Full PDB file with SEQRES, HELIX, SHEET, SSBOND, CRYST1, ORIGX, SCALE, CONECT and MASTER records, all heavy atoms in Angstrom:
SEQRES   1 A   33  PHE GLY PHE GLU LEU ILE THR ILE PRO MET THR ASP SER          
SEQRES   2 A   33  GLY PRO ASP MET ASP ALA VAL GLU GLU ALA VAL LYS ASP          
SEQRES   3 A   33  PRO ALA VAL LYS GLY ILE TRP                                  
HELIX    1 AA1 MET A   17  ALA A   23  1                                   7    
SHEET    1 AA1 2 MET A  10  THR A  11  0                                        
SHEET    2 AA1 2 GLY A  14  PRO A  15 -1                                        
CRYST1    1.000    1.000    1.000  90.00  90.00  90.00 P 1           1          
ORIGX1      1.000000  0.000000  0.000000        0.00000                         
ORIGX2      0.000000  1.000000  0.000000        0.00000                         
ORIGX3      0.000000  0.000000  1.000000        0.00000                         
SCALE1      1.000000  0.000000  0.000000        0.00000                         
SCALE2      0.000000  1.000000  0.000000        0.00000                         
SCALE3      0.000000  0.000000  1.000000        0.00000                         
ATOM      1  N   PHE A   1      87.071 111.248  93.440  1.00  0.00           N  
ATOM      2  CA  PHE A   1      85.768 111.807  93.090  1.00  0.00           C  
ATOM      3  C   PHE A   1      85.378 112.970  93.990  1.00  0.00           C  
ATOM      4  O   PHE A   1      84.248 113.467  93.914  1.00  0.00           O  
ATOM      5  CB  PHE A   1      84.706 110.704  93.150  1.00  0.00           C  
ATOM      6  CG  PHE A   1      84.779 109.752  91.990  1.00  0.00           C  
ATOM      7  CD1 PHE A   1      85.538 108.595  92.076  1.00  0.00           C  
ATOM      8  CD2 PHE A   1      84.129 110.026  90.798  1.00  0.00           C  
ATOM      9  CE1 PHE A   1      85.631 107.718  91.011  1.00  0.00           C  
ATOM     10  CE2 PHE A   1      84.215 109.167  89.721  1.00  0.00           C  
ATOM     11  CZ  PHE A   1      84.973 107.999  89.817  1.00  0.00           C  
ATOM     12  N   GLY A   2      86.291 113.404  94.836  1.00  0.00           N  
ATOM     13  CA  GLY A   2      86.036 114.569  95.668  1.00  0.00           C  
ATOM     14  C   GLY A   2      85.230 114.298  96.910  1.00  0.00           C  
ATOM     15  O   GLY A   2      84.724 115.236  97.540  1.00  0.00           O  
ATOM     16  N   PHE A   3      85.086 113.029  97.289  1.00  0.00           N  
ATOM     17  CA  PHE A   3      84.324 112.709  98.497  1.00  0.00           C  
ATOM     18  C   PHE A   3      85.108 113.157  99.733  1.00  0.00           C  
ATOM     19  O   PHE A   3      86.344 113.168  99.739  1.00  0.00           O  
ATOM     20  CB  PHE A   3      84.070 111.208  98.610  1.00  0.00           C  
ATOM     21  CG  PHE A   3      83.279 110.608  97.482  1.00  0.00           C  
ATOM     22  CD1 PHE A   3      83.091 109.236  97.412  1.00  0.00           C  
ATOM     23  CD2 PHE A   3      82.713 111.395  96.474  1.00  0.00           C  
ATOM     24  CE1 PHE A   3      82.375 108.654  96.382  1.00  0.00           C  
ATOM     25  CE2 PHE A   3      81.991 110.829  95.433  1.00  0.00           C  
ATOM     26  CZ  PHE A   3      81.835 109.447  95.383  1.00  0.00           C  
ATOM     27  N   GLU A   4      84.387 113.481 100.778  1.00  0.00           N  
ATOM     28  CA  GLU A   4      85.018 113.774 102.063  1.00  0.00           C  
ATOM     29  C   GLU A   4      85.245 112.445 102.789  1.00  0.00           C  
ATOM     30  O   GLU A   4      84.302 111.718 103.076  1.00  0.00           O  
ATOM     31  CB  GLU A   4      84.125 114.676 102.911  1.00  0.00           C  
ATOM     32  CG  GLU A   4      84.703 114.984 104.280  1.00  0.00           C  
ATOM     33  CD  GLU A   4      83.767 115.805 105.146  1.00  0.00           C  
ATOM     34  OE1 GLU A   4      82.955 116.579 104.585  1.00  0.00           O  
ATOM     35  OE2 GLU A   4      83.830 115.663 106.385  1.00  0.00           O  
ATOM     36  N   LEU A   5      86.497 112.143 103.072  1.00  0.00           N  
ATOM     37  CA  LEU A   5      86.846 110.865 103.692  1.00  0.00           C  
ATOM     38  C   LEU A   5      86.847 110.994 105.210  1.00  0.00           C  
ATOM     39  O   LEU A   5      87.473 111.899 105.766  1.00  0.00           O  
ATOM     40  CB  LEU A   5      88.214 110.386 103.199  1.00  0.00           C  
ATOM     41  CG  LEU A   5      88.408 110.331 101.674  1.00  0.00           C  
ATOM     42  CD1 LEU A   5      89.746 109.678 101.344  1.00  0.00           C  
ATOM     43  CD2 LEU A   5      87.262 109.586 100.992  1.00  0.00           C  
ATOM     44  N   ILE A   6      86.146 110.082 105.859  1.00  0.00           N  
ATOM     45  CA  ILE A   6      86.011 110.102 107.314  1.00  0.00           C  
ATOM     46  C   ILE A   6      86.680 108.862 107.889  1.00  0.00           C  
ATOM     47  O   ILE A   6      86.336 107.735 107.541  1.00  0.00           O  
ATOM     48  CB  ILE A   6      84.528 110.134 107.731  1.00  0.00           C  
ATOM     49  CG1 ILE A   6      83.849 111.396 107.161  1.00  0.00           C  
ATOM     50  CG2 ILE A   6      84.375 110.072 109.247  1.00  0.00           C  
ATOM     51  CD1 ILE A   6      82.337 111.409 107.350  1.00  0.00           C  
ATOM     52  N   THR A   7      87.640 109.074 108.773  1.00  0.00           N  
ATOM     53  CA  THR A   7      88.352 107.963 109.387  1.00  0.00           C  
ATOM     54  C   THR A   7      87.484 107.279 110.433  1.00  0.00           C  
ATOM     55  O   THR A   7      86.901 107.927 111.301  1.00  0.00           O  
ATOM     56  CB  THR A   7      89.652 108.455 110.050  1.00  0.00           C  
ATOM     57  OG1 THR A   7      90.509 109.016 109.052  1.00  0.00           O  
ATOM     58  CG2 THR A   7      90.375 107.315 110.753  1.00  0.00           C  
ATOM     59  N   ILE A   8      87.405 105.947 110.320  1.00  0.00           N  
ATOM     60  CA  ILE A   8      86.740 105.112 111.321  1.00  0.00           C  
ATOM     61  C   ILE A   8      87.814 104.245 111.961  1.00  0.00           C  
ATOM     62  O   ILE A   8      88.517 103.512 111.254  1.00  0.00           O  
ATOM     63  CB  ILE A   8      85.660 104.214 110.686  1.00  0.00           C  
ATOM     64  CG1 ILE A   8      84.557 105.057 110.046  1.00  0.00           C  
ATOM     65  CG2 ILE A   8      85.078 103.254 111.723  1.00  0.00           C  
ATOM     66  CD1 ILE A   8      83.711 105.848 111.022  1.00  0.00           C  
ATOM     67  N   PRO A   9      87.980 104.293 113.277  1.00  0.00           N  
ATOM     68  CA  PRO A   9      89.033 103.487 113.912  1.00  0.00           C  
ATOM     69  C   PRO A   9      88.771 101.994 113.741  1.00  0.00           C  
ATOM     70  O   PRO A   9      87.629 101.542 113.752  1.00  0.00           O  
ATOM     71  CB  PRO A   9      88.945 103.882 115.394  1.00  0.00           C  
ATOM     72  CG  PRO A   9      88.191 105.171 115.421  1.00  0.00           C  
ATOM     73  CD  PRO A   9      87.260 105.132 114.254  1.00  0.00           C  
ATOM     74  N   MET A  10      89.853 101.238 113.597  1.00  0.00           N  
ATOM     75  CA  MET A  10      89.768  99.777 113.578  1.00  0.00           C  
ATOM     76  C   MET A  10      89.908  99.249 114.998  1.00  0.00           C  
ATOM     77  O   MET A  10      90.662  99.795 115.807  1.00  0.00           O  
ATOM     78  CB  MET A  10      90.856  99.181 112.698  1.00  0.00           C  
ATOM     79  CG  MET A  10      90.581  99.300 111.213  1.00  0.00           C  
ATOM     80  SD  MET A  10      89.207  98.247 110.647  1.00  0.00           S  
ATOM     81  CE  MET A  10      89.939  96.624 110.723  1.00  0.00           C  
ATOM     82  N   THR A  11      89.181  98.175 115.302  1.00  0.00           N  
ATOM     83  CA  THR A  11      89.296  97.489 116.570  1.00  0.00           C  
ATOM     84  C   THR A  11      89.723  96.055 116.306  1.00  0.00           C  
ATOM     85  O   THR A  11      89.886  95.646 115.148  1.00  0.00           O  
ATOM     86  CB  THR A  11      87.957  97.494 117.333  1.00  0.00           C  
ATOM     87  OG1 THR A  11      87.054  96.558 116.687  1.00  0.00           O  
ATOM     88  CG2 THR A  11      87.315  98.873 117.329  1.00  0.00           C  
ATOM     89  N   ASP A  12      89.865  95.257 117.349  1.00  0.00           N  
ATOM     90  CA  ASP A  12      90.259  93.862 117.181  1.00  0.00           C  
ATOM     91  C   ASP A  12      89.187  93.041 116.469  1.00  0.00           C  
ATOM     92  O   ASP A  12      89.472  91.935 115.990  1.00  0.00           O  
ATOM     93  CB  ASP A  12      90.547  93.224 118.536  1.00  0.00           C  
ATOM     94  CG  ASP A  12      91.819  93.754 119.167  1.00  0.00           C  
ATOM     95  OD1 ASP A  12      92.649  94.323 118.428  1.00  0.00           O  
ATOM     96  OD2 ASP A  12      91.989  93.613 120.395  1.00  0.00           O  
ATOM     97  N   SER A  13      87.959  93.545 116.373  1.00  0.00           N  
ATOM     98  CA  SER A  13      86.864  92.808 115.735  1.00  0.00           C  
ATOM     99  C   SER A  13      86.389  93.468 114.443  1.00  0.00           C  
ATOM    100  O   SER A  13      85.365  93.084 113.891  1.00  0.00           O  
ATOM    101  CB  SER A  13      85.692  92.666 116.704  1.00  0.00           C  
ATOM    102  OG  SER A  13      85.255  93.932 117.147  1.00  0.00           O  
ATOM    103  N   GLY A  14      87.148  94.453 113.951  1.00  0.00           N  
ATOM    104  CA  GLY A  14      86.761  95.143 112.725  1.00  0.00           C  
ATOM    105  C   GLY A  14      86.566  96.624 112.975  1.00  0.00           C  
ATOM    106  O   GLY A  14      87.012  97.162 114.004  1.00  0.00           O  
ATOM    107  N   PRO A  15      85.907  97.336 112.049  1.00  0.00           N  
ATOM    108  CA  PRO A  15      85.667  98.765 112.254  1.00  0.00           C  
ATOM    109  C   PRO A  15      84.882  99.014 113.531  1.00  0.00           C  
ATOM    110  O   PRO A  15      84.076  98.194 113.959  1.00  0.00           O  
ATOM    111  CB  PRO A  15      84.857  99.162 111.011  1.00  0.00           C  
ATOM    112  CG  PRO A  15      85.155  98.116 109.997  1.00  0.00           C  
ATOM    113  CD  PRO A  15      85.372  96.851 110.764  1.00  0.00           C  
ATOM    114  N   ASP A  16      85.116 100.169 114.141  1.00  0.00           N  
ATOM    115  CA  ASP A  16      84.358 100.578 115.332  1.00  0.00           C  
ATOM    116  C   ASP A  16      82.897 100.777 114.910  1.00  0.00           C  
ATOM    117  O   ASP A  16      82.540 101.793 114.322  1.00  0.00           O  
ATOM    118  CB  ASP A  16      84.945 101.875 115.883  1.00  0.00           C  
ATOM    119  CG  ASP A  16      84.248 102.372 117.140  1.00  0.00           C  
ATOM    120  OD1 ASP A  16      83.081 101.982 117.384  1.00  0.00           O  
ATOM    121  OD2 ASP A  16      84.849 103.168 117.877  1.00  0.00           O  
ATOM    122  N   MET A  17      82.055  99.800 115.204  1.00  0.00           N  
ATOM    123  CA  MET A  17      80.683  99.835 114.703  1.00  0.00           C  
ATOM    124  C   MET A  17      79.830 100.896 115.393  1.00  0.00           C  
ATOM    125  O   MET A  17      78.848 101.373 114.821  1.00  0.00           O  
ATOM    126  CB  MET A  17      80.037  98.465 114.830  1.00  0.00           C  
ATOM    127  CG  MET A  17      80.647  97.419 113.884  1.00  0.00           C  
ATOM    128  SD  MET A  17      80.715  97.948 112.144  1.00  0.00           S  
ATOM    129  CE  MET A  17      78.963  98.078 111.750  1.00  0.00           C  
ATOM    130  N   ASP A  18      80.188 101.291 116.602  1.00  0.00           N  
ATOM    131  CA  ASP A  18      79.487 102.421 117.228  1.00  0.00           C  
ATOM    132  C   ASP A  18      79.695 103.675 116.382  1.00  0.00           C  
ATOM    133  O   ASP A  18      78.745 104.440 116.138  1.00  0.00           O  
ATOM    134  CB  ASP A  18      80.009 102.659 118.647  1.00  0.00           C  
ATOM    135  CG  ASP A  18      79.589 101.578 119.628  1.00  0.00           C  
ATOM    136  OD1 ASP A  18      78.632 100.828 119.321  1.00  0.00           O  
ATOM    137  OD2 ASP A  18      80.207 101.480 120.706  1.00  0.00           O  
ATOM    138  N   ALA A  19      80.931 103.881 115.929  1.00  0.00           N  
ATOM    139  CA  ALA A  19      81.238 105.044 115.088  1.00  0.00           C  
ATOM    140  C   ALA A  19      80.548 104.942 113.738  1.00  0.00           C  
ATOM    141  O   ALA A  19      80.045 105.938 113.201  1.00  0.00           O  
ATOM    142  CB  ALA A  19      82.748 105.174 114.905  1.00  0.00           C  
ATOM    143  N   VAL A  20      80.517 103.729 113.159  1.00  0.00           N  
ATOM    144  CA  VAL A  20      79.851 103.534 111.870  1.00  0.00           C  
ATOM    145  C   VAL A  20      78.362 103.819 111.989  1.00  0.00           C  
ATOM    146  O   VAL A  20      77.778 104.552 111.172  1.00  0.00           O  
ATOM    147  CB  VAL A  20      80.086 102.095 111.351  1.00  0.00           C  
ATOM    148  CG1 VAL A  20      79.227 101.825 110.106  1.00  0.00           C  
ATOM    149  CG2 VAL A  20      81.557 101.876 111.021  1.00  0.00           C  
ATOM    150  N   GLU A  21      77.720 103.249 113.002  1.00  0.00           N  
ATOM    151  CA  GLU A  21      76.269 103.420 113.175  1.00  0.00           C  
ATOM    152  C   GLU A  21      75.908 104.874 113.417  1.00  0.00           C  
ATOM    153  O   GLU A  21      74.844 105.341 112.971  1.00  0.00           O  
ATOM    154  CB  GLU A  21      75.788 102.531 114.333  1.00  0.00           C  
ATOM    155  CG  GLU A  21      75.805 101.053 113.976  1.00  0.00           C  
ATOM    156  CD  GLU A  21      75.706 100.135 115.175  1.00  0.00           C  
ATOM    157  OE1 GLU A  21      75.741 100.641 116.326  1.00  0.00           O  
ATOM    158  OE2 GLU A  21      75.606  98.907 114.984  1.00  0.00           O  
ATOM    159  N   GLU A  22      76.784 105.611 114.089  1.00  0.00           N  
ATOM    160  CA  GLU A  22      76.536 107.040 114.307  1.00  0.00           C  
ATOM    161  C   GLU A  22      76.731 107.819 113.006  1.00  0.00           C  
ATOM    162  O   GLU A  22      75.928 108.701 112.663  1.00  0.00           O  
ATOM    163  CB  GLU A  22      77.481 107.577 115.383  1.00  0.00           C  
ATOM    164  CG  GLU A  22      77.276 109.047 115.741  1.00  0.00           C  
ATOM    165  CD  GLU A  22      75.893 109.344 116.312  1.00  0.00           C  
ATOM    166  OE1 GLU A  22      75.300 108.455 116.963  1.00  0.00           O  
ATOM    167  OE2 GLU A  22      75.399 110.484 116.110  1.00  0.00           O  
ATOM    168  N   ALA A  23      77.776 107.474 112.252  1.00  0.00           N  
ATOM    169  CA  ALA A  23      78.100 108.213 111.032  1.00  0.00           C  
ATOM    170  C   ALA A  23      77.021 108.077 109.968  1.00  0.00           C  
ATOM    171  O   ALA A  23      76.733 109.041 109.240  1.00  0.00           O  
ATOM    172  CB  ALA A  23      79.441 107.746 110.481  1.00  0.00           C  
ATOM    173  N   VAL A  24      76.414 106.892 109.833  1.00  0.00           N  
ATOM    174  CA  VAL A  24      75.446 106.676 108.750  1.00  0.00           C  
ATOM    175  C   VAL A  24      74.109 107.376 109.008  1.00  0.00           C  
ATOM    176  O   VAL A  24      73.226 107.345 108.149  1.00  0.00           O  
ATOM    177  CB  VAL A  24      75.215 105.176 108.481  1.00  0.00           C  
ATOM    178  CG1 VAL A  24      76.512 104.498 108.074  1.00  0.00           C  
ATOM    179  CG2 VAL A  24      74.567 104.478 109.666  1.00  0.00           C  
ATOM    180  N   LYS A  25      73.976 108.035 110.148  1.00  0.00           N  
ATOM    181  CA  LYS A  25      72.783 108.849 110.382  1.00  0.00           C  
ATOM    182  C   LYS A  25      72.796 110.099 109.501  1.00  0.00           C  
ATOM    183  O   LYS A  25      71.757 110.735 109.300  1.00  0.00           O  
ATOM    184  CB  LYS A  25      72.703 109.247 111.855  1.00  0.00           C  
ATOM    185  CG  LYS A  25      72.475 108.082 112.819  1.00  0.00           C  
ATOM    186  CD  LYS A  25      72.492 108.551 114.272  1.00  0.00           C  
ATOM    187  CE  LYS A  25      72.310 107.389 115.236  1.00  0.00           C  
ATOM    188  NZ  LYS A  25      72.392 107.824 116.656  1.00  0.00           N  
ATOM    189  N   ASP A  26      73.972 110.437 108.990  1.00  0.00           N  
ATOM    190  CA  ASP A  26      74.135 111.587 108.093  1.00  0.00           C  
ATOM    191  C   ASP A  26      73.805 111.135 106.671  1.00  0.00           C  
ATOM    192  O   ASP A  26      74.473 110.253 106.123  1.00  0.00           O  
ATOM    193  CB  ASP A  26      75.577 112.082 108.182  1.00  0.00           C  
ATOM    194  CG  ASP A  26      75.850 113.300 107.317  1.00  0.00           C  
ATOM    195  OD1 ASP A  26      74.987 113.675 106.497  1.00  0.00           O  
ATOM    196  OD2 ASP A  26      76.949 113.874 107.450  1.00  0.00           O  
ATOM    197  N   PRO A  27      72.794 111.716 106.013  1.00  0.00           N  
ATOM    198  CA  PRO A  27      72.427 111.286 104.649  1.00  0.00           C  
ATOM    199  C   PRO A  27      73.506 111.542 103.611  1.00  0.00           C  
ATOM    200  O   PRO A  27      73.460 110.978 102.518  1.00  0.00           O  
ATOM    201  CB  PRO A  27      71.170 112.109 104.347  1.00  0.00           C  
ATOM    202  CG  PRO A  27      71.210 113.260 105.295  1.00  0.00           C  
ATOM    203  CD  PRO A  27      71.898 112.772 106.526  1.00  0.00           C  
ATOM    204  N   ALA A  28      74.493 112.370 103.946  1.00  0.00           N  
ATOM    205  CA  ALA A  28      75.599 112.613 103.014  1.00  0.00           C  
ATOM    206  C   ALA A  28      76.593 111.455 102.997  1.00  0.00           C  
ATOM    207  O   ALA A  28      77.400 111.343 102.068  1.00  0.00           O  
ATOM    208  CB  ALA A  28      76.320 113.908 103.368  1.00  0.00           C  
ATOM    209  N   VAL A  29      76.536 110.592 104.019  1.00  0.00           N  
ATOM    210  CA  VAL A  29      77.441 109.440 104.068  1.00  0.00           C  
ATOM    211  C   VAL A  29      76.884 108.359 103.146  1.00  0.00           C  
ATOM    212  O   VAL A  29      75.819 107.794 103.394  1.00  0.00           O  
ATOM    213  CB  VAL A  29      77.588 108.906 105.506  1.00  0.00           C  
ATOM    214  CG1 VAL A  29      78.383 107.602 105.517  1.00  0.00           C  
ATOM    215  CG2 VAL A  29      78.277 109.945 106.382  1.00  0.00           C  
ATOM    216  N   LYS A  30      77.631 108.070 102.075  1.00  0.00           N  
ATOM    217  CA  LYS A  30      77.128 107.179 101.025  1.00  0.00           C  
ATOM    218  C   LYS A  30      77.731 105.781 101.051  1.00  0.00           C  
ATOM    219  O   LYS A  30      77.256 104.903 100.317  1.00  0.00           O  
ATOM    220  CB  LYS A  30      77.407 107.804  99.654  1.00  0.00           C  
ATOM    221  CG  LYS A  30      76.644 109.105  99.391  1.00  0.00           C  
ATOM    222  CD  LYS A  30      75.156 108.837  99.189  1.00  0.00           C  
ATOM    223  CE  LYS A  30      74.451 110.075  98.670  1.00  0.00           C  
ATOM    224  NZ  LYS A  30      73.001 109.822  98.449  1.00  0.00           N  
ATOM    225  N   GLY A  31      78.772 105.560 101.849  1.00  0.00           N  
ATOM    226  CA  GLY A  31      79.336 104.221 101.824  1.00  0.00           C  
ATOM    227  C   GLY A  31      80.528 104.060 102.733  1.00  0.00           C  
ATOM    228  O   GLY A  31      80.961 104.985 103.425  1.00  0.00           O  
ATOM    229  N   ILE A  32      81.078 102.844 102.708  1.00  0.00           N  
ATOM    230  CA  ILE A  32      82.215 102.492 103.548  1.00  0.00           C  
ATOM    231  C   ILE A  32      83.070 101.450 102.828  1.00  0.00           C  
ATOM    232  O   ILE A  32      82.554 100.581 102.121  1.00  0.00           O  
ATOM    233  CB  ILE A  32      81.742 101.946 104.919  1.00  0.00           C  
ATOM    234  CG1 ILE A  32      82.932 101.651 105.854  1.00  0.00           C  
ATOM    235  CG2 ILE A  32      80.877 100.682 104.757  1.00  0.00           C  
ATOM    236  CD1 ILE A  32      82.524 101.332 107.280  1.00  0.00           C  
ATOM    237  N   TRP A  33      84.377 101.568 102.988  1.00  0.00           N  
ATOM    238  CA  TRP A  33      85.310 100.557 102.501  1.00  0.00           C  
ATOM    239  C   TRP A  33      85.489  99.482 103.573  1.00  0.00           C  
ATOM    240  O   TRP A  33      85.602  99.806 104.758  1.00  0.00           O  
ATOM    241  CB  TRP A  33      86.678 101.158 102.197  1.00  0.00           C  
ATOM    242  CG  TRP A  33      86.733 102.074 101.010  1.00  0.00           C  
ATOM    243  CD1 TRP A  33      86.966 103.416 101.011  1.00  0.00           C  
ATOM    244  CD2 TRP A  33      86.573 101.697  99.636  1.00  0.00           C  
ATOM    245  NE1 TRP A  33      86.958 103.901  99.730  1.00  0.00           N  
ATOM    246  CE2 TRP A  33      86.722 102.871  98.861  1.00  0.00           C  
ATOM    247  CE3 TRP A  33      86.308 100.489  98.987  1.00  0.00           C  
ATOM    248  CZ2 TRP A  33      86.628 102.874  97.476  1.00  0.00           C  
ATOM    249  CZ3 TRP A  33      86.211 100.491  97.607  1.00  0.00           C  
ATOM    250  CH2 TRP A  33      86.371 101.665  96.860  1.00  0.00           C  
TER     251      TRP A  33                                                      
MASTER        0    0    0    1    2    0    0    6  250    1    0    3          
END                                                                             
C-alpha cells in the first residue's frame, strides 16, 4: 500500500518499547505489526 516501513529492533522481551513510544508521537505512524 506504499507505506513507509520503519524498523523497530526486537529485544528479549518483545519490540523495543522505547523506540515504539517515541515513534508513535508522529501522527503519520498508523500502526505496528
